[in-house]
Structure formats: structure tokens, C-alpha cells
PDB file of N, CA and C in Angstrom:
ATOM      1  N   MET A   1      80.822  93.928  88.537  1.00  0.00           N
ATOM      2  CA  MET A   1      80.723  94.583  89.929  1.00  0.00           C
ATOM      3  C   MET A   1      81.808  95.464  89.857  1.00  0.00           C
ATOM      4  N   GLY A   2      81.645  96.843  90.186  1.00  0.00           N
ATOM      5  CA  GLY A   2      82.428  98.065  90.038  1.00  0.00           C
ATOM      6  C   GLY A   2      83.833  97.402  90.975  1.00  0.00           C
ATOM      7  N   ALA A   3      84.923  98.700  90.048  1.00  0.00           N
ATOM      8  CA  ALA A   3      86.185  99.227  90.538  1.00  0.00           C
ATOM      9  C   ALA A   3      85.803  98.741  91.953  1.00  0.00           C
ATOM     10  N   ALA A   4      85.509 100.677  92.671  1.00  0.00           N
ATOM     11  CA  ALA A   4      85.542 100.762  93.525  1.00  0.00           C
ATOM     12  C   ALA A   4      85.048  99.506  94.792  1.00  0.00           C
ATOM     13  N   ALA A   5      83.735  98.852  94.415  1.00  0.00           N
ATOM     14  CA  ALA A   5      83.273  97.598  94.975  1.00  0.00           C
ATOM     15  C   ALA A   5      84.867  96.839  95.510  1.00  0.00           C
ATOM     16  N   LEU A   6      85.572  96.660  94.120  1.00  0.00           N
ATOM     17  CA  LEU A   6      86.997  95.203  93.952  1.00  0.00           C
ATOM     18  C   LEU A   6      87.384  95.731  95.362  1.00  0.00           C
ATOM     19  N   PHE A   7      87.932  97.027  94.618  1.00  0.00           N
ATOM     20  CA  PHE A   7      88.889  97.602  95.959  1.00  0.00           C
ATOM     21  C   PHE A   7      88.489  97.566  97.576  1.00  0.00           C
ATOM     22  N   VAL A   8      87.188  97.498  97.618  1.00  0.00           N
ATOM     23  CA  VAL A   8      86.789  98.181  98.702  1.00  0.00           C
ATOM     24  C   VAL A   8      87.570  96.397  99.394  1.00  0.00           C
ATOM     25  N   ILE A   9      87.177  95.477  98.919  1.00  0.00           N
ATOM     26  CA  ILE A   9      86.710  94.136  98.951  1.00  0.00           C
ATOM     27  C   ILE A   9      88.047  93.355  98.836  1.00  0.00           C
ATOM     28  N   ALA A  10      88.807  93.587  98.494  1.00  0.00           N
ATOM     29  CA  ALA A  10      90.457  94.035  98.691  1.00  0.00           C
ATOM     30  C   ALA A  10      91.450  94.039  99.728  1.00  0.00           C
ATOM     31  N   SER A  11      90.458  95.136  99.553  1.00  0.00           N
ATOM     32  CA  SER A  11      91.391  95.670 101.185  1.00  0.00           C
ATOM     33  C   SER A  11      90.941  95.825 102.449  1.00  0.00           C
ATOM     34  N   GLY A  12      89.771  94.635 102.297  1.00  0.00           N
ATOM     35  CA  GLY A  12      89.135  94.315 103.976  1.00  0.00           C
ATOM     36  C   GLY A  12      88.669  95.711 104.616  1.00  0.00           C
ATOM     37  N   ASN A  13      88.755  95.853 105.547  1.00  0.00           N
ATOM     38  CA  ASN A  13      88.230  96.686 106.422  1.00  0.00           C
ATOM     39  C   ASN A  13      89.388  98.071 106.416  1.00  0.00           C
ATOM     40  N   ALA A  14      89.734  98.081 105.997  1.00  0.00           N
ATOM     41  CA  ALA A  14      91.368  98.813 105.766  1.00  0.00           C
ATOM     42  C   ALA A  14      90.987 100.750 105.575  1.00  0.00           C
ATOM     43  N   ARG A  15      91.641 100.872 107.317  1.00  0.00           N
ATOM     44  CA  ARG A  15      91.424 101.894 107.800  1.00  0.00           C
ATOM     45  C   ARG A  15      93.291 102.890 107.920  1.00  0.00           C
ATOM     46  N   ALA A  16      92.962 104.200 108.058  1.00  0.00           N
ATOM     47  CA  ALA A  16      94.238 104.667 107.789  1.00  0.00           C
ATOM     48  C   ALA A  16      95.121 104.955 110.240  1.00  0.00           C
ATOM     49  N   GLY A  17      95.470 104.526 110.195  1.00  0.00           N
ATOM     50  CA  GLY A  17      96.774 104.845 111.309  1.00  0.00           C
ATOM     51  C   GLY A  17      97.422 105.148 111.248  1.00  0.00           C
ATOM     52  N   ASP A  18      98.242 105.740 112.512  1.00  0.00           N
ATOM     53  CA  ASP A  18      98.953 107.301 113.037  1.00  0.00           C
ATOM     54  C   ASP A  18      99.889 106.726 113.421  1.00  0.00           C
ATOM     55  N   ALA A  19     101.058 106.786 112.741  1.00  0.00           N
ATOM     56  CA  ALA A  19     102.219 106.352 112.383  1.00  0.00           C
ATOM     57  C   ALA A  19     103.178 106.357 113.881  1.00  0.00           C
ATOM     58  N   LYS A  20     102.897 107.703 113.887  1.00  0.00           N
ATOM     59  CA  LYS A  20     103.466 108.513 114.534  1.00  0.00           C
ATOM     60  C   LYS A  20     103.353 107.660 116.782  1.00  0.00           C
ATOM     61  N   ALA A  21     102.129 107.876 116.572  1.00  0.00           N
ATOM     62  CA  ALA A  21     101.166 106.905 117.923  1.00  0.00           C
ATOM     63  C   ALA A  21     101.133 105.894 117.664  1.00  0.00           C
ATOM     64  N   GLY A  22     101.829 104.967 115.971  1.00  0.00           N
ATOM     65  CA  GLY A  22     102.058 103.282 115.850  1.00  0.00           C
ATOM     66  C   GLY A  22     103.392 103.529 116.929  1.00  0.00           C
ATOM     67  N   ARG A  23     104.441 104.233 116.402  1.00  0.00           N
ATOM     68  CA  ARG A  23     105.574 104.100 117.077  1.00  0.00           C
ATOM     69  C   ARG A  23     105.558 104.484 118.560  1.00  0.00           C
ATOM     70  N   ALA A  24     104.952 105.445 119.465  1.00  0.00           N
ATOM     71  CA  ALA A  24     104.790 105.046 120.798  1.00  0.00           C
ATOM     72  C   ALA A  24     104.090 103.376 121.106  1.00  0.00           C
ATOM     73  N   LYS A  25     103.132 103.729 121.093  1.00  0.00           N
ATOM     74  CA  LYS A  25     102.682 101.815 121.523  1.00  0.00           C
ATOM     75  C   LYS A  25     103.717 100.879 120.425  1.00  0.00           C
ATOM     76  N   ALA A  26     104.632 100.753 119.913  1.00  0.00           N
ATOM     77  CA  ALA A  26     106.108 100.177 119.044  1.00  0.00           C
ATOM     78  C   ALA A  26     106.414  99.461 120.702  1.00  0.00           C
ATOM     79  N   GLN A  27     106.322  99.964 121.565  1.00  0.00           N
ATOM     80  CA  GLN A  27     107.238  99.851 122.728  1.00  0.00           C
ATOM     81  C   GLN A  27     106.898  98.265 123.379  1.00  0.00           C
ATOM     82  N   LEU A  28     105.806  97.886 122.958  1.00  0.00           N
ATOM     83  CA  LEU A  28     105.457  97.218 123.372  1.00  0.00           C
ATOM     84  C   LEU A  28     105.812  95.729 122.756  1.00  0.00           C
ATOM     85  N   CYS A  29     105.783  95.902 121.492  1.00  0.00           N
ATOM     86  CA  CYS A  29     106.825  95.360 120.448  1.00  0.00           C
ATOM     87  C   CYS A  29     108.272  94.447 119.916  1.00  0.00           C
ATOM     88  N   GLN A  30     109.233  96.098 120.758  1.00  0.00           N
ATOM     89  CA  GLN A  30     110.598  95.650 120.232  1.00  0.00           C
ATOM     90  C   GLN A  30     111.107  95.288 120.787  1.00  0.00           C
ATOM     91  N   ALA A  31     110.684  93.990 121.874  1.00  0.00           N
ATOM     92  CA  ALA A  31     111.839  92.967 122.543  1.00  0.00           C
ATOM     93  C   ALA A  31     112.063  91.635 121.681  1.00  0.00           C
ATOM     94  N   CYS A  32     110.889  92.115 120.436  1.00  0.00           N
ATOM     95  CA  CYS A  32     111.392  90.685 120.147  1.00  0.00           C
ATOM     96  C   CYS A  32     111.707  91.142 118.357  1.00  0.00           C
ATOM     97  N   HIS A  33     110.609  91.951 117.996  1.00  0.00           N
ATOM     98  CA  HIS A  33     109.855  92.795 116.497  1.00  0.00           C
ATOM     99  C   HIS A  33     111.515  94.350 116.623  1.00  0.00           C
ATOM    100  N   GLY A  34     112.452  94.338 117.452  1.00  0.00           N
ATOM    101  CA  GLY A  34     112.890  95.767 117.906  1.00  0.00           C
ATOM    102  C   GLY A  34     112.488  97.031 117.633  1.00  0.00           C
ATOM    103  N   VAL A  35     113.104  98.034 118.012  1.00  0.00           N
ATOM    104  CA  VAL A  35     112.724  99.468 118.065  1.00  0.00           C
ATOM    105  C   VAL A  35     112.873  99.345 116.331  1.00  0.00           C
ATOM    106  N   ASP A  36     113.164  98.878 115.155  1.00  0.00           N
ATOM    107  CA  ASP A  36     113.716  99.557 113.900  1.00  0.00           C
ATOM    108  C   ASP A  36     112.684  98.598 113.511  1.00  0.00           C
ATOM    109  N   GLY A  37     111.362  97.361 113.807  1.00  0.00           N
ATOM    110  CA  GLY A  37     110.919  96.340 112.785  1.00  0.00           C
ATOM    111  C   GLY A  37     111.941  95.643 112.748  1.00  0.00           C
ATOM    112  N   LEU A  38     112.953  95.723 112.830  1.00  0.00           N
ATOM    113  CA  LEU A  38     113.947  94.332 112.482  1.00  0.00           C
ATOM    114  C   LEU A  38     113.915  93.319 113.345  1.00  0.00           C
ATOM    115  N   SER A  39     113.492  92.074 113.825  1.00  0.00           N
ATOM    116  CA  SER A  39     113.379  91.094 114.593  1.00  0.00           C
ATOM    117  C   SER A  39     114.443  91.277 115.380  1.00  0.00           C
ATOM    118  N   LYS A  40     114.752  90.873 116.532  1.00  0.00           N
ATOM    119  CA  LYS A  40     115.324  90.414 117.812  1.00  0.00           C
ATOM    120  C   LYS A  40     116.219  89.088 117.786  1.00  0.00           C
ATOM    121  N   VAL A  41     115.285  88.933 117.527  1.00  0.00           N
ATOM    122  CA  VAL A  41     114.418  86.887 118.273  1.00  0.00           C
ATOM    123  C   VAL A  41     114.279  85.903 116.902  1.00  0.00           C
ATOM    124  N   PRO A  42     114.938  84.717 116.818  1.00  0.00           N
ATOM    125  CA  PRO A  42     114.532  84.787 115.570  1.00  0.00           C
ATOM    126  C   PRO A  42     113.068  83.200 115.415  1.00  0.00           C
ATOM    127  N   ASP A  43     112.586  83.919 116.014  1.00  0.00           N
ATOM    128  CA  ASP A  43     110.871  83.198 116.084  1.00  0.00           C
ATOM    129  C   ASP A  43     110.357  84.381 115.182  1.00  0.00           C
ATOM    130  N   ALA A  44     110.594  85.375 115.218  1.00  0.00           N
ATOM    131  CA  ALA A  44     109.542  86.967 115.260  1.00  0.00           C
ATOM    132  C   ALA A  44     110.379  87.457 113.809  1.00  0.00           C
ATOM    133  N   PRO A  45     109.359  87.767 112.872  1.00  0.00           N
ATOM    134  CA  PRO A  45     109.305  88.327 111.698  1.00  0.00           C
ATOM    135  C   PRO A  45     109.383  89.785 112.008  1.00  0.00           C
ATOM    136  N   ASN A  46     110.474  89.812 110.698  1.00  0.00           N
ATOM    137  CA  ASN A  46     110.593  91.401 111.050  1.00  0.00           C
ATOM    138  C   ASN A  46     109.225  92.015 110.114  1.00  0.00           C
ATOM    139  N   LEU A  47     109.610  93.474 110.911  1.00  0.00           N
ATOM    140  CA  LEU A  47     108.075  94.010 110.531  1.00  0.00           C
ATOM    141  C   LEU A  47     107.856  94.913 109.449  1.00  0.00           C
ATOM    142  N   ALA A  48     109.084  95.982 109.788  1.00  0.00           N
ATOM    143  CA  ALA A  48     109.334  96.254 109.125  1.00  0.00           C
ATOM    144  C   ALA A  48     109.629  96.578 107.334  1.00  0.00           C
ATOM    145  N   GLY A  49     108.304  98.335 106.551  1.00  0.00           N
ATOM    146  CA  GLY A  49     108.016  98.230 105.131  1.00  0.00           C
ATOM    147  C   GLY A  49     107.452  97.270 104.974  1.00  0.00           C
ATOM    148  N   GLN A  50     106.160  96.217 105.945  1.00  0.00           N
ATOM    149  CA  GLN A  50     106.000  95.581 105.335  1.00  0.00           C
ATOM    150  C   GLN A  50     104.341  96.412 105.383  1.00  0.00           C
ATOM    151  N   VAL A  51     103.508  95.765 104.412  1.00  0.00           N
ATOM    152  CA  VAL A  51     102.293  96.704 103.888  1.00  0.00           C
ATOM    153  C   VAL A  51     101.457  96.312 105.250  1.00  0.00           C
ATOM    154  N   GLU A  52     100.538  97.364 104.961  1.00  0.00           N
ATOM    155  CA  GLU A  52      99.665  97.936 106.288  1.00  0.00           C
ATOM    156  C   GLU A  52      98.987  97.499 106.311  1.00  0.00           C
ATOM    157  N   GLY A  53      97.852  97.145 105.483  1.00  0.00           N
ATOM    158  CA  GLY A  53      96.576  96.914 105.294  1.00  0.00           C
ATOM    159  C   GLY A  53      97.392  94.693 106.407  1.00  0.00           C
ATOM    160  N   TYR A  54      97.902  94.126 105.223  1.00  0.00           N
ATOM    161  CA  TYR A  54      98.398  93.209 105.845  1.00  0.00           C
ATOM    162  C   TYR A  54      98.893  93.199 107.395  1.00  0.00           C
ATOM    163  N   LEU A  55      99.829  94.120 107.879  1.00  0.00           N
ATOM    164  CA  LEU A  55      99.755  93.835 109.386  1.00  0.00           C
ATOM    165  C   LEU A  55      98.590  93.893 110.239  1.00  0.00           C
ATOM    166  N   ALA A  56      98.155  94.679 109.685  1.00  0.00           N
ATOM    167  CA  ALA A  56      96.354  95.184 110.271  1.00  0.00           C
ATOM    168  C   ALA A  56      95.508  94.014 110.452  1.00  0.00           C
ATOM    169  N   THR A  57      95.748  93.042 109.585  1.00  0.00           N
ATOM    170  CA  THR A  57      94.667  91.594 109.280  1.00  0.00           C
ATOM    171  C   THR A  57      95.451  91.075 110.608  1.00  0.00           C
ATOM    172  N   GLN A  58      96.887  90.185 110.139  1.00  0.00           N
ATOM    173  CA  GLN A  58      97.189  89.389 111.185  1.00  0.00           C
ATOM    174  C   GLN A  58      97.066  89.601 112.502  1.00  0.00           C
ATOM    175  N   LEU A  59      97.646  90.696 112.642  1.00  0.00           N
ATOM    176  CA  LEU A  59      97.148  91.548 114.525  1.00  0.00           C
ATOM    177  C   LEU A  59      95.566  90.479 114.881  1.00  0.00           C
ATOM    178  N   ARG A  60      95.030  91.414 113.905  1.00  0.00           N
ATOM    179  CA  ARG A  60      93.509  91.168 114.497  1.00  0.00           C
ATOM    180  C   ARG A  60      93.183  89.640 114.336  1.00  0.00           C
ATOM    181  N   ALA A  61      93.856  89.187 113.939  1.00  0.00           N
ATOM    182  CA  ALA A  61      93.592  87.740 113.894  1.00  0.00           C
ATOM    183  C   ALA A  61      94.354  87.165 114.977  1.00  0.00           C
ATOM    184  N   PHE A  62      95.878  87.882 115.494  1.00  0.00           N
ATOM    185  CA  PHE A  62      95.861  86.843 116.245  1.00  0.00           C
ATOM    186  C   PHE A  62      94.999  87.471 117.891  1.00  0.00           C
ATOM    187  N   LYS A  63      94.418  88.621 117.843  1.00  0.00           N
ATOM    188  CA  LYS A  63      93.308  88.881 118.828  1.00  0.00           C
ATOM    189  C   LYS A  63      92.336  88.468 118.671  1.00  0.00           C
ATOM    190  N   SER A  64      91.590  88.020 117.865  1.00  0.00           N
ATOM    191  CA  SER A  64      90.711  87.473 117.425  1.00  0.00           C
ATOM    192  C   SER A  64      90.727  85.805 118.106  1.00  0.00           C
ATOM    193  N   GLY A  65      91.868  85.109 118.025  1.00  0.00           N
ATOM    194  CA  GLY A  65      92.385  83.462 117.860  1.00  0.00           C
ATOM    195  C   GLY A  65      92.175  82.875 116.751  1.00  0.00           C
ATOM    196  N   ALA A  66      92.435  83.390 115.452  1.00  0.00           N
ATOM    197  CA  ALA A  66      92.056  83.256 114.114  1.00  0.00           C
ATOM    198  C   ALA A  66      93.655  82.424 114.113  1.00  0.00           C
ATOM    199  N   ARG A  67      94.485  83.507 114.557  1.00  0.00           N
ATOM    200  CA  ARG A  67      95.855  82.966 113.921  1.00  0.00           C
ATOM    201  C   ARG A  67      96.533  83.093 115.520  1.00  0.00           C
ATOM    202  N   LYS A  68      97.120  81.349 115.668  1.00  0.00           N
ATOM    203  CA  LYS A  68      97.572  81.349 117.211  1.00  0.00           C
ATOM    204  C   LYS A  68      99.130  81.583 116.871  1.00  0.00           C
ATOM    205  N   SER A  69      99.713  82.094 118.208  1.00  0.00           N
ATOM    206  CA  SER A  69     100.557  82.115 118.599  1.00  0.00           C
ATOM    207  C   SER A  69     100.579  82.886 120.021  1.00  0.00           C
ATOM    208  N   GLU A  70     101.172  82.149 120.846  1.00  0.00           N
ATOM    209  CA  GLU A  70     100.953  82.420 122.802  1.00  0.00           C
ATOM    210  C   GLU A  70     101.391  83.384 122.694  1.00  0.00           C
ATOM    211  N   ALA A  71     102.673  84.135 122.405  1.00  0.00           N
ATOM    212  CA  ALA A  71     103.165  85.484 122.826  1.00  0.00           C
ATOM    213  C   ALA A  71     102.208  86.150 122.338  1.00  0.00           C
ATOM    214  N   MET A  72     101.565  86.384 121.154  1.00  0.00           N
ATOM    215  CA  MET A  72     101.089  87.038 120.130  1.00  0.00           C
ATOM    216  C   MET A  72      99.513  87.503 120.463  1.00  0.00           C
ATOM    217  N   THR A  73      99.233  86.481 120.655  1.00  0.00           N
ATOM    218  CA  THR A  73      98.050  86.006 121.501  1.00  0.00           C
ATOM    219  C   THR A  73      97.243  86.925 122.548  1.00  0.00           C
ATOM    220  N   LEU A  74      98.715  86.965 123.506  1.00  0.00           N
ATOM    221  CA  LEU A  74      98.853  87.918 124.995  1.00  0.00           C
ATOM    222  C   LEU A  74      98.621  89.205 124.746  1.00  0.00           C
ATOM    223  N   VAL A  75      99.864  90.055 123.950  1.00  0.00           N
ATOM    224  CA  VAL A  75     100.119  91.236 122.984  1.00  0.00           C
ATOM    225  C   VAL A  75      99.381  91.850 122.338  1.00  0.00           C
ATOM    226  N   ALA A  76      98.399  91.343 120.892  1.00  0.00           N
ATOM    227  CA  ALA A  76      97.482  90.877 121.002  1.00  0.00           C
ATOM    228  C   ALA A  76      95.940  92.043 121.947  1.00  0.00           C
ATOM    229  N   ALA A  77      95.639  91.172 122.708  1.00  0.00           N
ATOM    230  CA  ALA A  77      94.925  91.387 123.095  1.00  0.00           C
ATOM    231  C   ALA A  77      94.501  92.263 124.253  1.00  0.00           C
ATOM    232  N   GLN A  78      95.479  92.820 123.612  1.00  0.00           N
ATOM    233  CA  GLN A  78      95.292  94.012 124.974  1.00  0.00           C
ATOM    234  C   GLN A  78      95.820  95.572 124.121  1.00  0.00           C
ATOM    235  N   LEU A  79      95.533  95.039 122.027  1.00  0.00           N
ATOM    236  CA  LEU A  79      94.938  95.628 121.689  1.00  0.00           C
ATOM    237  C   LEU A  79      94.025  96.447 121.364  1.00  0.00           C
ATOM    238  N   SER A  80      93.543  97.992 120.998  1.00  0.00           N
ATOM    239  CA  SER A  80      92.601  98.508 120.396  1.00  0.00           C
ATOM    240  C   SER A  80      92.610  98.533 118.460  1.00  0.00           C
ATOM    241  N   ASP A  81      91.645  98.924 118.401  1.00  0.00           N
ATOM    242  CA  ASP A  81      91.294  98.522 116.415  1.00  0.00           C
ATOM    243  C   ASP A  81      92.344 100.077 116.289  1.00  0.00           C
ATOM    244  N   GLN A  82      92.046 101.248 116.909  1.00  0.00           N
ATOM    245  CA  GLN A  82      92.598 101.596 116.735  1.00  0.00           C
ATOM    246  C   GLN A  82      94.512 101.328 116.548  1.00  0.00           C
ATOM    247  N   ASP A  83      94.903 101.047 117.897  1.00  0.00           N
ATOM    248  CA  ASP A  83      95.674 100.832 118.325  1.00  0.00           C
ATOM    249  C   ASP A  83      96.571  99.944 117.300  1.00  0.00           C
ATOM    250  N   ILE A  84      96.108  99.053 116.867  1.00  0.00           N
ATOM    251  CA  ILE A  84      95.835  98.092 116.028  1.00  0.00           C
ATOM    252  C   ILE A  84      96.376  98.835 114.517  1.00  0.00           C
ATOM    253  N   ASP A  85      95.873 100.058 114.197  1.00  0.00           N
ATOM    254  CA  ASP A  85      95.968 101.050 112.780  1.00  0.00           C
ATOM    255  C   ASP A  85      97.118 101.302 112.883  1.00  0.00           C
ATOM    256  N   ASN A  86      97.799 101.787 114.325  1.00  0.00           N
ATOM    257  CA  ASN A  86      98.185 103.048 114.364  1.00  0.00           C
ATOM    258  C   ASN A  86     100.302 102.166 113.952  1.00  0.00           C
ATOM    259  N   LEU A  87     100.018 100.761 114.951  1.00  0.00           N
ATOM    260  CA  LEU A  87     101.056  99.292 114.553  1.00  0.00           C
ATOM    261  C   LEU A  87     101.596  99.399 113.061  1.00  0.00           C
ATOM    262  N   ALA A  88      99.888  99.032 112.516  1.00  0.00           N
ATOM    263  CA  ALA A  88     100.378  98.647 110.847  1.00  0.00           C
ATOM    264  C   ALA A  88     101.072 100.264 110.326  1.00  0.00           C
ATOM    265  N   ALA A  89     100.508 100.782 110.735  1.00  0.00           N
ATOM    266  CA  ALA A  89     100.870 102.967 109.888  1.00  0.00           C
ATOM    267  C   ALA A  89     102.145 102.052 110.770  1.00  0.00           C
ATOM    268  N   TRP A  90     102.810 102.028 111.156  1.00  0.00           N
ATOM    269  CA  TRP A  90     104.638 102.746 112.038  1.00  0.00           C
ATOM    270  C   TRP A  90     105.456 101.598 110.885  1.00  0.00           C
ATOM    271  N   TYR A  91     105.110 100.566 110.903  1.00  0.00           N
ATOM    272  CA  TYR A  91     106.265  99.581 110.315  1.00  0.00           C
ATOM    273  C   TYR A  91     105.311 100.062 109.309  1.00  0.00           C
ATOM    274  N   SER A  92     104.840  99.990 109.021  1.00  0.00           N
ATOM    275  CA  SER A  92     104.677  99.773 106.936  1.00  0.00           C
ATOM    276  C   SER A  92     105.480 101.470 106.953  1.00  0.00           C
ATOM    277  N   SER A  93     105.340 102.701 107.660  1.00  0.00           N
ATOM    278  CA  SER A  93     105.769 103.685 106.575  1.00  0.00           C
ATOM    279  C   SER A  93     107.462 103.552 107.230  1.00  0.00           C
ATOM    280  N   ILE A  94     108.381 102.507 107.773  1.00  0.00           N
ATOM    281  CA  ILE A  94     109.407 102.684 107.918  1.00  0.00           C
ATOM    282  C   ILE A  94     110.614 101.827 106.740  1.00  0.00           C
ATOM    283  N   GLU A  95     110.825 102.467 106.792  1.00  0.00           N
ATOM    284  CA  GLU A  95     112.103 102.401 105.011  1.00  0.00           C
ATOM    285  C   GLU A  95     112.702 101.690 105.320  1.00  0.00           C
ATOM    286  N   ILE A  96     113.229 100.338 104.690  1.00  0.00           N
ATOM    287  CA  ILE A  96     113.811  99.408 104.915  1.00  0.00           C
ATOM    288  C   ILE A  96     115.230  99.565 103.558  1.00  0.00           C
ATOM    289  N   SER A  97     116.518  98.574 103.441  1.00  0.00           N
ATOM    290  CA  SER A  97     116.980  99.007 102.009  1.00  0.00           C
ATOM    291  C   SER A  97     117.774  97.952 102.024  1.00  0.00           C
ATOM    292  N   VAL A  98     118.358  97.425 100.782  1.00  0.00           N
ATOM    293  CA  VAL A  98     119.451  96.324 100.501  1.00  0.00           C
ATOM    294  C   VAL A  98     120.408  96.942 100.249  1.00  0.00           C
ATOM    295  N   GLY A  99     121.341  96.589 100.954  1.00  0.00           N
ATOM    296  CA  GLY A  99     122.918  96.991 100.554  1.00  0.00           C
ATOM    297  C   GLY A  99     123.360  95.772  99.364  1.00  0.00           C
ATOM    298  N   LYS A 100     124.620  96.649  99.277  1.00  0.00           N
ATOM    299  CA  LYS A 100     125.288  95.653  98.299  1.00  0.00           C
ATOM    300  C   LYS A 100     126.132  94.366  98.817  1.00  0.00           C
ATOM    301  N   LEU A 101     125.696  93.242  98.638  1.00  0.00           N
ATOM    302  CA  LEU A 101     126.674  91.847  98.578  1.00  0.00           C
ATOM    303  C   LEU A 101     127.368  92.015  98.501  1.00  0.00           C
ATOM    304  N   PRO A 102     128.640  91.341  99.648  1.00  0.00           N
ATOM    305  CA  PRO A 102     129.839  91.039  99.818  1.00  0.00           C
ATOM    306  C   PRO A 102     131.190  90.748  98.001  1.00  0.00           C
ATOM    307  N   GLY A 103     131.344  91.575  97.595  1.00  0.00           N
ATOM    308  CA  GLY A 103     131.658  90.554  95.967  1.00  0.00           C
ATOM    309  C   GLY A 103     131.275  90.573  95.061  1.00  0.00           C
ATOM    310  N   GLY A 104     130.184  91.400  95.267  1.00  0.00           N
ATOM    311  CA  GLY A 104     128.760  91.950  93.909  1.00  0.00           C
ATOM    312  C   GLY A 104     128.956  93.028  93.460  1.00  0.00           C
TER     313      GLY A 104
END
């Protein structure tokens, strides 16, 4: 199996999303995941800086029902494939940094 074939298998159905369009669509997500991709509630993960392909895969899993979450299933059901790609592009484009720890 060639390197190109392995890349296609590893990346799944990777498509390039539009981060600007994803930012606009992220208004649906900000109550839990924050406008900046940093969680506002204990049960919601931070999305900022996550790998684009991972985010898209997880949103598709919620949409299909393969991954279970009442809230995310409801939200993902409203998303088109392009919306999912755009959201993944937006959240993955957010740069995060870890500040210096106190006393360090």
C-alpha cells in the first residue's frame, strides 16, 4: 500500500472547511463551548486548538447517533456536512497557549 493510500485511510473523509464560516456557525455552540472554544460548562470539552479531522469525525458521529449525547445529537442534527467541516476548521484554527504556572 502506497503512502498516498495510507494518508487517505488515516484522514478518513477529510475535507477542508472554511474557518470564517465556521466562526459564524459557532454561535450555536457558544453557550457550552464558548465563543473562543473554551468550555463554559463542566460537561462540555474545550474545542479550541483540537485537530480539525477529529472534530469533524466526532460531529458526524453525534449526527449519525454512533456517539451518544442528547444535547450534541440535537445540535449535530441541524448541521450539514459543510457546516461540520466549517466548525471543525474554526475550532482547530483557534490558537491556545498555556500560561506560566504560579511559582514556576
